[in-house]
Amino acid sequence: MAEAKEIETFDELRNLRLADEGYFVITDSVRPAIIHKVNATCIKVDSFNLKVTIDGRKEGSYFWVDNIATAAREFQARRCKVCKPELNLVDSSTFGQ
């Protein structure tokens, strides 16, 4: 079953990183959603704190997803060019047909 969960606290982010399963999707009000490996170096605590804690998710959010297909279907997420979570991102236009 596909699963996506919004990350609301730093402790949630830390625990998900320690579990080392799934992926993070970072949404933004001006850019497309991006999918990252959970332990990627491009996931910065300062960026999380600014977007989620300080700005109250007004400009975007962080989500944990169980797989790349969920990220594509739920968020139309694009693959991070730095951490490259998978070589082939599933095309979200193929879902629900």
PDB file of N, CA and C in Angstrom:
ATOM      1  N   MET A   1       0.839  -1.178   0.000  1.00  0.00           N
ATOM      2  CA  MET A   1       0.000   0.000   0.000  1.00  0.00           C
ATOM      3  C   MET A   1       0.886   1.244   0.000  1.00  0.00           C
ATOM      4  N   ALA A   2       0.563   2.184  -0.852  1.00  0.00           N
ATOM      5  CA  ALA A   2       1.330   3.420  -0.942  1.00  0.00           C
ATOM      6  C   ALA A   2       1.107   4.271   0.296  1.00  0.00           C
ATOM      7  N   GLU A   3       2.182   4.899   0.732  1.00  0.00           N
ATOM      8  CA  GLU A   3       2.091   5.689   1.946  1.00  0.00           C
ATOM      9  C   GLU A   3       2.890   6.977   1.817  1.00  0.00           C
ATOM     10  N   ALA A   4       2.283   8.073   2.281  1.00  0.00           N
ATOM     11  CA  ALA A   4       2.956   9.369   2.353  1.00  0.00           C
ATOM     12  C   ALA A   4       2.577  10.000   3.685  1.00  0.00           C
ATOM     13  N   LYS A   5       3.565  10.602   4.357  1.00  0.00           N
ATOM     14  CA  LYS A   5       3.319  11.200   5.671  1.00  0.00           C
ATOM     15  C   LYS A   5       4.053  12.525   5.768  1.00  0.00           C
ATOM     16  N   GLU A   6       3.336  13.569   6.185  1.00  0.00           N
ATOM     17  CA  GLU A   6       3.975  14.870   6.367  1.00  0.00           C
ATOM     18  C   GLU A   6       4.860  14.832   7.615  1.00  0.00           C
ATOM     19  N   ILE A   7       6.032  15.422   7.516  1.00  0.00           N
ATOM     20  CA  ILE A   7       6.975  15.488   8.627  1.00  0.00           C
ATOM     21  C   ILE A   7       6.805  16.854   9.281  1.00  0.00           C
ATOM     22  N   GLU A   8       6.400  16.847  10.532  1.00  0.00           N
ATOM     23  CA  GLU A   8       6.065  18.100  11.207  1.00  0.00           C
ATOM     24  C   GLU A   8       7.074  18.552  12.244  1.00  0.00           C
ATOM     25  N   THR A   9       7.976  17.666  12.677  1.00  0.00           N
ATOM     26  CA  THR A   9       8.951  18.041  13.699  1.00  0.00           C
ATOM     27  C   THR A   9      10.340  17.536  13.320  1.00  0.00           C
ATOM     28  N   PHE A  10      11.346  18.162  13.926  1.00  0.00           N
ATOM     29  CA  PHE A  10      12.721  17.726  13.702  1.00  0.00           C
ATOM     30  C   PHE A  10      12.918  16.289  14.186  1.00  0.00           C
ATOM     31  N   ASP A  11      12.300  15.923  15.308  1.00  0.00           N
ATOM     32  CA  ASP A  11      12.433  14.550  15.821  1.00  0.00           C
ATOM     33  C   ASP A  11      11.906  13.523  14.826  1.00  0.00           C
ATOM     34  N   GLU A  12      10.802  13.844  14.152  1.00  0.00           N
ATOM     35  CA  GLU A  12      10.285  12.942  13.120  1.00  0.00           C
ATOM     36  C   GLU A  12      11.295  12.794  11.989  1.00  0.00           C
ATOM     37  N   LEU A  13      11.853  13.904  11.545  1.00  0.00           N
ATOM     38  CA  LEU A  13      12.855  13.879  10.486  1.00  0.00           C
ATOM     39  C   LEU A  13      14.043  13.021  10.899  1.00  0.00           C
ATOM     40  N   ARG A  14      14.533  13.236  12.099  1.00  0.00           N
ATOM     41  CA  ARG A  14      15.697  12.485  12.599  1.00  0.00           C
ATOM     42  C   ARG A  14      15.398  10.991  12.678  1.00  0.00           C
ATOM     43  N   ASN A  15      14.236  10.631  13.209  1.00  0.00           N
ATOM     44  CA  ASN A  15      13.875   9.218  13.336  1.00  0.00           C
ATOM     45  C   ASN A  15      13.734   8.538  11.977  1.00  0.00           C
ATOM     46  N   LEU A  16      13.188   9.243  11.011  1.00  0.00           N
ATOM     47  CA  LEU A  16      13.056   8.681   9.666  1.00  0.00           C
ATOM     48  C   LEU A  16      14.428   8.500   9.018  1.00  0.00           C
ATOM     49  N   ARG A  17      15.323   9.426   9.263  1.00  0.00           N
ATOM     50  CA  ARG A  17      16.680   9.285   8.726  1.00  0.00           C
ATOM     51  C   ARG A  17      17.395   8.096   9.361  1.00  0.00           C
ATOM     52  N   LEU A  18      17.193   7.917  10.672  1.00  0.00           N
ATOM     53  CA  LEU A  18      17.814   6.779  11.359  1.00  0.00           C
ATOM     54  C   LEU A  18      17.263   5.444  10.871  1.00  0.00           C
ATOM     55  N   ALA A  19      15.976   5.406  10.528  1.00  0.00           N
ATOM     56  CA  ALA A  19      15.361   4.174  10.020  1.00  0.00           C
ATOM     57  C   ALA A  19      15.911   3.801   8.641  1.00  0.00           C
ATOM     58  N   ASP A  20      16.356   4.810   7.872  1.00  0.00           N
ATOM     59  CA  ASP A  20      16.996   4.603   6.568  1.00  0.00           C
ATOM     60  C   ASP A  20      16.124   3.809   5.592  1.00  0.00           C
ATOM     61  N   GLU A  21      14.827   4.130   5.557  1.00  0.00           N
ATOM     62  CA  GLU A  21      13.897   3.500   4.622  1.00  0.00           C
ATOM     63  C   GLU A  21      13.044   4.571   3.966  1.00  0.00           C
ATOM     64  N   GLY A  22      12.668   4.360   2.731  1.00  0.00           N
ATOM     65  CA  GLY A  22      11.804   5.294   2.031  1.00  0.00           C
ATOM     66  C   GLY A  22      12.571   6.481   1.476  1.00  0.00           C
ATOM     67  N   TYR A  23      11.820   7.549   1.202  1.00  0.00           N
ATOM     68  CA  TYR A  23      12.371   8.747   0.574  1.00  0.00           C
ATOM     69  C   TYR A  23      11.722   9.984   1.177  1.00  0.00           C
ATOM     70  N   PHE A  24      12.360  11.133   1.017  1.00  0.00           N
ATOM     71  CA  PHE A  24      11.768  12.413   1.393  1.00  0.00           C
ATOM     72  C   PHE A  24      11.345  13.145   0.129  1.00  0.00           C
ATOM     73  N   VAL A  25      10.198  13.783   0.211  1.00  0.00           N
ATOM     74  CA  VAL A  25       9.748  14.689  -0.840  1.00  0.00           C
ATOM     75  C   VAL A  25       9.667  16.071  -0.217  1.00  0.00           C
ATOM     76  N   ILE A  26      10.321  17.034  -0.852  1.00  0.00           N
ATOM     77  CA  ILE A  26      10.262  18.405  -0.375  1.00  0.00           C
ATOM     78  C   ILE A  26       9.430  19.203  -1.378  1.00  0.00           C
ATOM     79  N   THR A  27       8.337  19.755  -0.885  1.00  0.00           N
ATOM     80  CA  THR A  27       7.489  20.589  -1.736  1.00  0.00           C
ATOM     81  C   THR A  27       7.873  22.048  -1.533  1.00  0.00           C
ATOM     82  N   ASP A  28       7.549  22.853  -2.517  1.00  0.00           N
ATOM     83  CA  ASP A  28       7.902  24.267  -2.469  1.00  0.00           C
ATOM     84  C   ASP A  28       6.855  25.042  -3.257  1.00  0.00           C
ATOM     85  N   SER A  29       6.602  26.266  -2.846  1.00  0.00           N
ATOM     86  CA  SER A  29       5.579  27.058  -3.526  1.00  0.00           C
ATOM     87  C   SER A  29       6.024  27.582  -4.886  1.00  0.00           C
ATOM     88  N   VAL A  30       7.318  27.605  -5.157  1.00  0.00           N
ATOM     89  CA  VAL A  30       7.797  28.149  -6.432  1.00  0.00           C
ATOM     90  C   VAL A  30       8.530  27.141  -7.322  1.00  0.00           C
ATOM     91  N   ARG A  31       8.830  25.955  -6.797  1.00  0.00           N
ATOM     92  CA  ARG A  31       9.533  24.934  -7.570  1.00  0.00           C
ATOM     93  C   ARG A  31       8.766  23.620  -7.515  1.00  0.00           C
ATOM     94  N   PRO A  32       9.021  22.743  -8.464  1.00  0.00           N
ATOM     95  CA  PRO A  32       8.386  21.413  -8.397  1.00  0.00           C
ATOM     96  C   PRO A  32       8.886  20.636  -7.177  1.00  0.00           C
ATOM     97  N   ALA A  33       8.094  19.699  -6.718  1.00  0.00           N
ATOM     98  CA  ALA A  33       8.497  18.824  -5.607  1.00  0.00           C
ATOM     99  C   ALA A  33       9.703  17.992  -6.041  1.00  0.00           C
ATOM    100  N   ILE A  34      10.602  17.757  -5.084  1.00  0.00           N
ATOM    101  CA  ILE A  34      11.823  16.996  -5.347  1.00  0.00           C
ATOM    102  C   ILE A  34      11.888  15.812  -4.398  1.00  0.00           C
ATOM    103  N   ILE A  35      12.247  14.651  -4.939  1.00  0.00           N
ATOM    104  CA  ILE A  35      12.406  13.445  -4.116  1.00  0.00           C
ATOM    105  C   ILE A  35      13.891  13.229  -3.827  1.00  0.00           C
ATOM    106  N   HIS A  36      14.171  12.856  -2.556  1.00  0.00           N
ATOM    107  CA  HIS A  36      15.543  12.659  -2.086  1.00  0.00           C
ATOM    108  C   HIS A  36      15.665  11.338  -1.341  1.00  0.00           C
ATOM    109  N   LYS A  37      16.872  10.790  -1.315  1.00  0.00           N
ATOM    110  CA  LYS A  37      17.178   9.684  -0.419  1.00  0.00           C
ATOM    111  C   LYS A  37      17.070  10.208   1.010  1.00  0.00           C
ATOM    112  N   VAL A  38      16.646   9.368   1.954  1.00  0.00           N
ATOM    113  CA  VAL A  38      16.449   9.858   3.322  1.00  0.00           C
ATOM    114  C   VAL A  38      17.747  10.307   3.987  1.00  0.00           C
ATOM    115  N   ASN A  39      18.863   9.750   3.598  1.00  0.00           N
ATOM    116  CA  ASN A  39      20.131  10.130   4.222  1.00  0.00           C
ATOM    117  C   ASN A  39      21.029  10.924   3.287  1.00  0.00           C
ATOM    118  N   ALA A  40      20.420  11.580   2.326  1.00  0.00           N
ATOM    119  CA  ALA A  40      21.208  12.376   1.382  1.00  0.00           C
ATOM    120  C   ALA A  40      21.820  13.585   2.073  1.00  0.00           C
ATOM    121  N   THR A  41      23.010  13.939   1.635  1.00  0.00           N
ATOM    122  CA  THR A  41      23.678  15.116   2.201  1.00  0.00           C
ATOM    123  C   THR A  41      22.986  16.409   1.783  1.00  0.00           C
ATOM    124  N   CYS A  42      22.148  16.353   0.760  1.00  0.00           N
ATOM    125  CA  CYS A  42      21.429  17.553   0.323  1.00  0.00           C
ATOM    126  C   CYS A  42      20.206  17.857   1.196  1.00  0.00           C
ATOM    127  N   ILE A  43      19.877  16.985   2.131  1.00  0.00           N
ATOM    128  CA  ILE A  43      18.813  17.255   3.110  1.00  0.00           C
ATOM    129  C   ILE A  43      19.476  17.966   4.286  1.00  0.00           C
ATOM    130  N   LYS A  44      19.193  19.234   4.437  1.00  0.00           N
ATOM    131  CA  LYS A  44      19.821  20.059   5.474  1.00  0.00           C
ATOM    132  C   LYS A  44      18.855  20.352   6.613  1.00  0.00           C
ATOM    133  N   VAL A  45      19.325  20.178   7.828  1.00  0.00           N
ATOM    134  CA  VAL A  45      18.513  20.461   9.016  1.00  0.00           C
ATOM    135  C   VAL A  45      18.102  21.930   9.043  1.00  0.00           C
ATOM    136  N   ASP A  46      19.006  22.818   8.689  1.00  0.00           N
ATOM    137  CA  ASP A  46      18.681  24.250   8.679  1.00  0.00           C
ATOM    138  C   ASP A  46      17.548  24.561   7.700  1.00  0.00           C
ATOM    139  N   SER A  47      17.569  23.924   6.538  1.00  0.00           N
ATOM    140  CA  SER A  47      16.512  24.138   5.552  1.00  0.00           C
ATOM    141  C   SER A  47      15.169  23.616   6.069  1.00  0.00           C
ATOM    142  N   PHE A  48      15.207  22.450   6.716  1.00  0.00           N
ATOM    143  CA  PHE A  48      13.984  21.900   7.312  1.00  0.00           C
ATOM    144  C   PHE A  48      13.431  22.848   8.370  1.00  0.00           C
ATOM    145  N   ASN A  49      14.303  23.292   9.274  1.00  0.00           N
ATOM    146  CA  ASN A  49      13.852  24.186  10.342  1.00  0.00           C
ATOM    147  C   ASN A  49      13.266  25.482   9.793  1.00  0.00           C
ATOM    148  N   LEU A  50      13.881  26.038   8.771  1.00  0.00           N
ATOM    149  CA  LEU A  50      13.376  27.270   8.186  1.00  0.00           C
ATOM    150  C   LEU A  50      12.001  27.062   7.548  1.00  0.00           C
ATOM    151  N   LYS A  51      11.892  26.030   6.707  1.00  0.00           N
ATOM    152  CA  LYS A  51      10.646  25.810   5.962  1.00  0.00           C
ATOM    153  C   LYS A  51       9.512  25.321   6.849  1.00  0.00           C
ATOM    154  N   VAL A  52       9.807  24.394   7.765  1.00  0.00           N
ATOM    155  CA  VAL A  52       8.751  23.755   8.548  1.00  0.00           C
ATOM    156  C   VAL A  52       8.505  24.448   9.883  1.00  0.00           C
ATOM    157  N   THR A  53       9.556  24.659  10.646  1.00  0.00           N
ATOM    158  CA  THR A  53       9.399  25.185  12.000  1.00  0.00           C
ATOM    159  C   THR A  53       9.194  26.695  12.011  1.00  0.00           C
ATOM    160  N   ILE A  54      10.073  27.429  11.369  1.00  0.00           N
ATOM    161  CA  ILE A  54      10.024  28.891  11.434  1.00  0.00           C
ATOM    162  C   ILE A  54       8.908  29.455  10.545  1.00  0.00           C
ATOM    163  N   ASP A  55       8.853  29.006   9.286  1.00  0.00           N
ATOM    164  CA  ASP A  55       7.858  29.543   8.349  1.00  0.00           C
ATOM    165  C   ASP A  55       6.502  28.831   8.424  1.00  0.00           C
ATOM    166  N   GLY A  56       6.408  27.812   9.260  1.00  0.00           N
ATOM    167  CA  GLY A  56       5.125  27.133   9.449  1.00  0.00           C
ATOM    168  C   GLY A  56       4.560  26.485   8.200  1.00  0.00           C
ATOM    169  N   ARG A  57       5.426  25.992   7.329  1.00  0.00           N
ATOM    170  CA  ARG A  57       5.039  25.279   6.110  1.00  0.00           C
ATOM    171  C   ARG A  57       4.245  26.147   5.131  1.00  0.00           C
ATOM    172  N   LYS A  58       4.389  27.470   5.206  1.00  0.00           N
ATOM    173  CA  LYS A  58       3.680  28.366   4.290  1.00  0.00           C
ATOM    174  C   LYS A  58       4.218  28.276   2.863  1.00  0.00           C
ATOM    175  N   GLU A  59       5.497  28.006   2.725  1.00  0.00           N
ATOM    176  CA  GLU A  59       6.131  27.961   1.406  1.00  0.00           C
ATOM    177  C   GLU A  59       6.400  26.537   0.921  1.00  0.00           C
ATOM    178  N   GLY A  60       6.035  25.544   1.709  1.00  0.00           N
ATOM    179  CA  GLY A  60       6.266  24.154   1.327  1.00  0.00           C
ATOM    180  C   GLY A  60       6.398  23.271   2.539  1.00  0.00           C
ATOM    181  N   SER A  61       6.581  21.976   2.294  1.00  0.00           N
ATOM    182  CA  SER A  61       6.624  20.993   3.372  1.00  0.00           C
ATOM    183  C   SER A  61       7.592  19.870   3.041  1.00  0.00           C
ATOM    184  N   TYR A  62       7.841  19.054   4.055  1.00  0.00           N
ATOM    185  CA  TYR A  62       8.631  17.840   3.911  1.00  0.00           C
ATOM    186  C   TYR A  62       7.699  16.656   4.136  1.00  0.00           C
ATOM    187  N   PHE A  63       7.829  15.639   3.283  1.00  0.00           N
ATOM    188  CA  PHE A  63       7.032  14.430   3.403  1.00  0.00           C
ATOM    189  C   PHE A  63       7.942  13.218   3.325  1.00  0.00           C
ATOM    190  N   TRP A  64       7.549  12.158   4.015  1.00  0.00           N
ATOM    191  CA  TRP A  64       8.192  10.858   3.850  1.00  0.00           C
ATOM    192  C   TRP A  64       7.274  10.026   2.979  1.00  0.00           C
ATOM    193  N   VAL A  65       7.850   9.318   2.008  1.00  0.00           N
ATOM    194  CA  VAL A  65       7.083   8.399   1.169  1.00  0.00           C
ATOM    195  C   VAL A  65       7.765   7.041   1.167  1.00  0.00           C
ATOM    196  N   ASP A  66       6.970   6.000   0.972  1.00  0.00           N
ATOM    197  CA  ASP A  66       7.515   4.647   1.014  1.00  0.00           C
ATOM    198  C   ASP A  66       8.266   4.255  -0.249  1.00  0.00           C
ATOM    199  N   ASN A  67       7.920   4.869  -1.379  1.00  0.00           N
ATOM    200  CA  ASN A  67       8.620   4.512  -2.613  1.00  0.00           C
ATOM    201  C   ASN A  67       8.529   5.644  -3.651  1.00  0.00           C
ATOM    202  N   ILE A  68       9.276   5.484  -4.710  1.00  0.00           N
ATOM    203  CA  ILE A  68       9.344   6.508  -5.751  1.00  0.00           C
ATOM    204  C   ILE A  68       8.007   6.667  -6.472  1.00  0.00           C
ATOM    205  N   ALA A  69       7.301   5.557  -6.672  1.00  0.00           N
ATOM    206  CA  ALA A  69       6.006   5.639  -7.359  1.00  0.00           C
ATOM    207  C   ALA A  69       5.024   6.501  -6.567  1.00  0.00           C
ATOM    208  N   THR A  70       5.041   6.392  -5.242  1.00  0.00           N
ATOM    209  CA  THR A  70       4.176   7.226  -4.408  1.00  0.00           C
ATOM    210  C   THR A  70       4.534   8.696  -4.583  1.00  0.00           C
ATOM    211  N   ALA A  71       5.820   8.994  -4.600  1.00  0.00           N
ATOM    212  CA  ALA A  71       6.271  10.384  -4.782  1.00  0.00           C
ATOM    213  C   ALA A  71       5.800  10.935  -6.128  1.00  0.00           C
ATOM    214  N   ALA A  72       5.885  10.131  -7.160  1.00  0.00           N
ATOM    215  CA  ALA A  72       5.463  10.568  -8.489  1.00  0.00           C
ATOM    216  C   ALA A  72       3.958  10.773  -8.543  1.00  0.00           C
ATOM    217  N   ARG A  73       3.212   9.836  -7.989  1.00  0.00           N
ATOM    218  CA  ARG A  73       1.749   9.897  -8.046  1.00  0.00           C
ATOM    219  C   ARG A  73       1.173  11.003  -7.162  1.00  0.00           C
ATOM    220  N   GLU A  74       1.644  11.100  -5.936  1.00  0.00           N
ATOM    221  CA  GLU A  74       1.070  12.042  -4.973  1.00  0.00           C
ATOM    222  C   GLU A  74       1.571  13.479  -5.147  1.00  0.00           C
ATOM    223  N   PHE A  75       2.822  13.629  -5.564  1.00  0.00           N
ATOM    224  CA  PHE A  75       3.438  14.960  -5.584  1.00  0.00           C
ATOM    225  C   PHE A  75       3.993  15.366  -6.948  1.00  0.00           C
ATOM    226  N   GLN A  76       3.920  14.471  -7.938  1.00  0.00           N
ATOM    227  CA  GLN A  76       4.547  14.715  -9.235  1.00  0.00           C
ATOM    228  C   GLN A  76       6.012  15.113  -9.032  1.00  0.00           C
ATOM    229  N   ALA A  77       6.649  14.437  -8.075  1.00  0.00           N
ATOM    230  CA  ALA A  77       8.015  14.767  -7.664  1.00  0.00           C
ATOM    231  C   ALA A  77       9.029  14.416  -8.742  1.00  0.00           C
ATOM    232  N   ARG A  78      10.037  15.257  -8.818  1.00  0.00           N
ATOM    233  CA  ARG A  78      11.174  15.030  -9.700  1.00  0.00           C
ATOM    234  C   ARG A  78      12.352  14.530  -8.880  1.00  0.00           C
ATOM    235  N   ARG A  79      13.210  13.773  -9.512  1.00  0.00           N
ATOM    236  CA  ARG A  79      14.379  13.200  -8.858  1.00  0.00           C
ATOM    237  C   ARG A  79      15.418  14.276  -8.590  1.00  0.00           C
ATOM    238  N   CYS A  80      15.994  14.265  -7.387  1.00  0.00           N
ATOM    239  CA  CYS A  80      17.068  15.193  -7.039  1.00  0.00           C
ATOM    240  C   CYS A  80      18.279  14.918  -7.927  1.00  0.00           C
ATOM    241  N   LYS A  81      18.860  15.973  -8.465  1.00  0.00           N
ATOM    242  CA  LYS A  81      20.032  15.829  -9.333  1.00  0.00           C
ATOM    243  C   LYS A  81      21.314  15.618  -8.539  1.00  0.00           C
ATOM    244  N   VAL A  82      21.241  15.811  -7.221  1.00  0.00           N
ATOM    245  CA  VAL A  82      22.422  15.624  -6.378  1.00  0.00           C
ATOM    246  C   VAL A  82      22.489  14.199  -5.833  1.00  0.00           C
ATOM    247  N   CYS A  83      21.445  13.770  -5.146  1.00  0.00           N
ATOM    248  CA  CYS A  83      21.483  12.437  -4.508  1.00  0.00           C
ATOM    249  C   CYS A  83      20.969  11.323  -5.418  1.00  0.00           C
ATOM    250  N   LYS A  84      20.268  11.652  -6.491  1.00  0.00           N
ATOM    251  CA  LYS A  84      19.803  10.697  -7.498  1.00  0.00           C
ATOM    252  C   LYS A  84      19.197   9.441  -6.885  1.00  0.00           C
ATOM    253  N   PRO A  85      18.012   9.555  -6.267  1.00  0.00           N
ATOM    254  CA  PRO A  85      17.433   8.414  -5.557  1.00  0.00           C
ATOM    255  C   PRO A  85      17.184   7.188  -6.419  1.00  0.00           C
ATOM    256  N   GLU A  86      16.870   7.350  -7.659  1.00  0.00           N
ATOM    257  CA  GLU A  86      16.711   6.225  -8.585  1.00  0.00           C
ATOM    258  C   GLU A  86      17.084   6.734  -9.964  1.00  0.00           C
ATOM    259  N   LEU A  87      17.532   5.852 -10.800  1.00  0.00           N
ATOM    260  CA  LEU A  87      17.908   6.280 -12.147  1.00  0.00           C
ATOM    261  C   LEU A  87      16.691   6.623 -13.000  1.00  0.00           C
ATOM    262  N   ASN A  88      15.586   5.914 -12.795  1.00  0.00           N
ATOM    263  CA  ASN A  88      14.384   6.145 -13.601  1.00  0.00           C
ATOM    264  C   ASN A  88      13.219   6.482 -12.688  1.00  0.00           C
ATOM    265  N   LEU A  89      12.756   7.705 -12.755  1.00  0.00           N
ATOM    266  CA  LEU A  89      11.595   8.114 -11.990  1.00  0.00           C
ATOM    267  C   LEU A  89      10.349   7.667 -12.732  1.00  0.00           C
ATOM    268  N   VAL A  90       9.423   7.106 -12.021  1.00  0.00           N
ATOM    269  CA  VAL A  90       8.188   6.622 -12.636  1.00  0.00           C
ATOM    270  C   VAL A  90       7.392   7.819 -13.128  1.00  0.00           C
ATOM    271  N   ASP A  91       6.906   7.737 -14.353  1.00  0.00           N
ATOM    272  CA  ASP A  91       6.112   8.812 -14.934  1.00  0.00           C
ATOM    273  C   ASP A  91       4.719   8.795 -14.308  1.00  0.00           C
ATOM    274  N   SER A  92       4.374   9.850 -13.588  1.00  0.00           N
ATOM    275  CA  SER A  92       3.101   9.899 -12.870  1.00  0.00           C
ATOM    276  C   SER A  92       1.908   9.909 -13.812  1.00  0.00           C
ATOM    277  N   SER A  93       2.087  10.241 -15.080  1.00  0.00           N
ATOM    278  CA  SER A  93       0.960  10.269 -16.013  1.00  0.00           C
ATOM    279  C   SER A  93       0.435   8.872 -16.330  1.00  0.00           C
ATOM    280  N   THR A  94       1.186   7.832 -15.980  1.00  0.00           N
ATOM    281  CA  THR A  94       0.748   6.469 -16.257  1.00  0.00           C
ATOM    282  C   THR A  94      -0.144   5.897 -15.169  1.00  0.00           C
ATOM    283  N   PHE A  95      -0.326   6.611 -14.056  1.00  0.00           N
ATOM    284  CA  PHE A  95      -1.159   6.117 -12.969  1.00  0.00           C
ATOM    285  C   PHE A  95      -2.627   6.409 -13.255  1.00  0.00           C
ATOM    286  N   GLY A  96      -3.472   5.522 -12.785  1.00  0.00           N
ATOM    287  CA  GLY A  96      -4.907   5.728 -12.871  1.00  0.00           C
ATOM    288  C   GLY A  96      -5.475   5.547 -14.271  1.00  0.00           C
ATOM    289  N   GLN A  97      -4.770   4.860 -15.146  1.00  0.00           N
ATOM    290  CA  GLN A  97      -5.278   4.652 -16.504  1.00  0.00           C
ATOM    291  C   GLN A  97      -5.854   3.276 -16.650  1.00  0.00           C
TER     292      GLN A  97
END
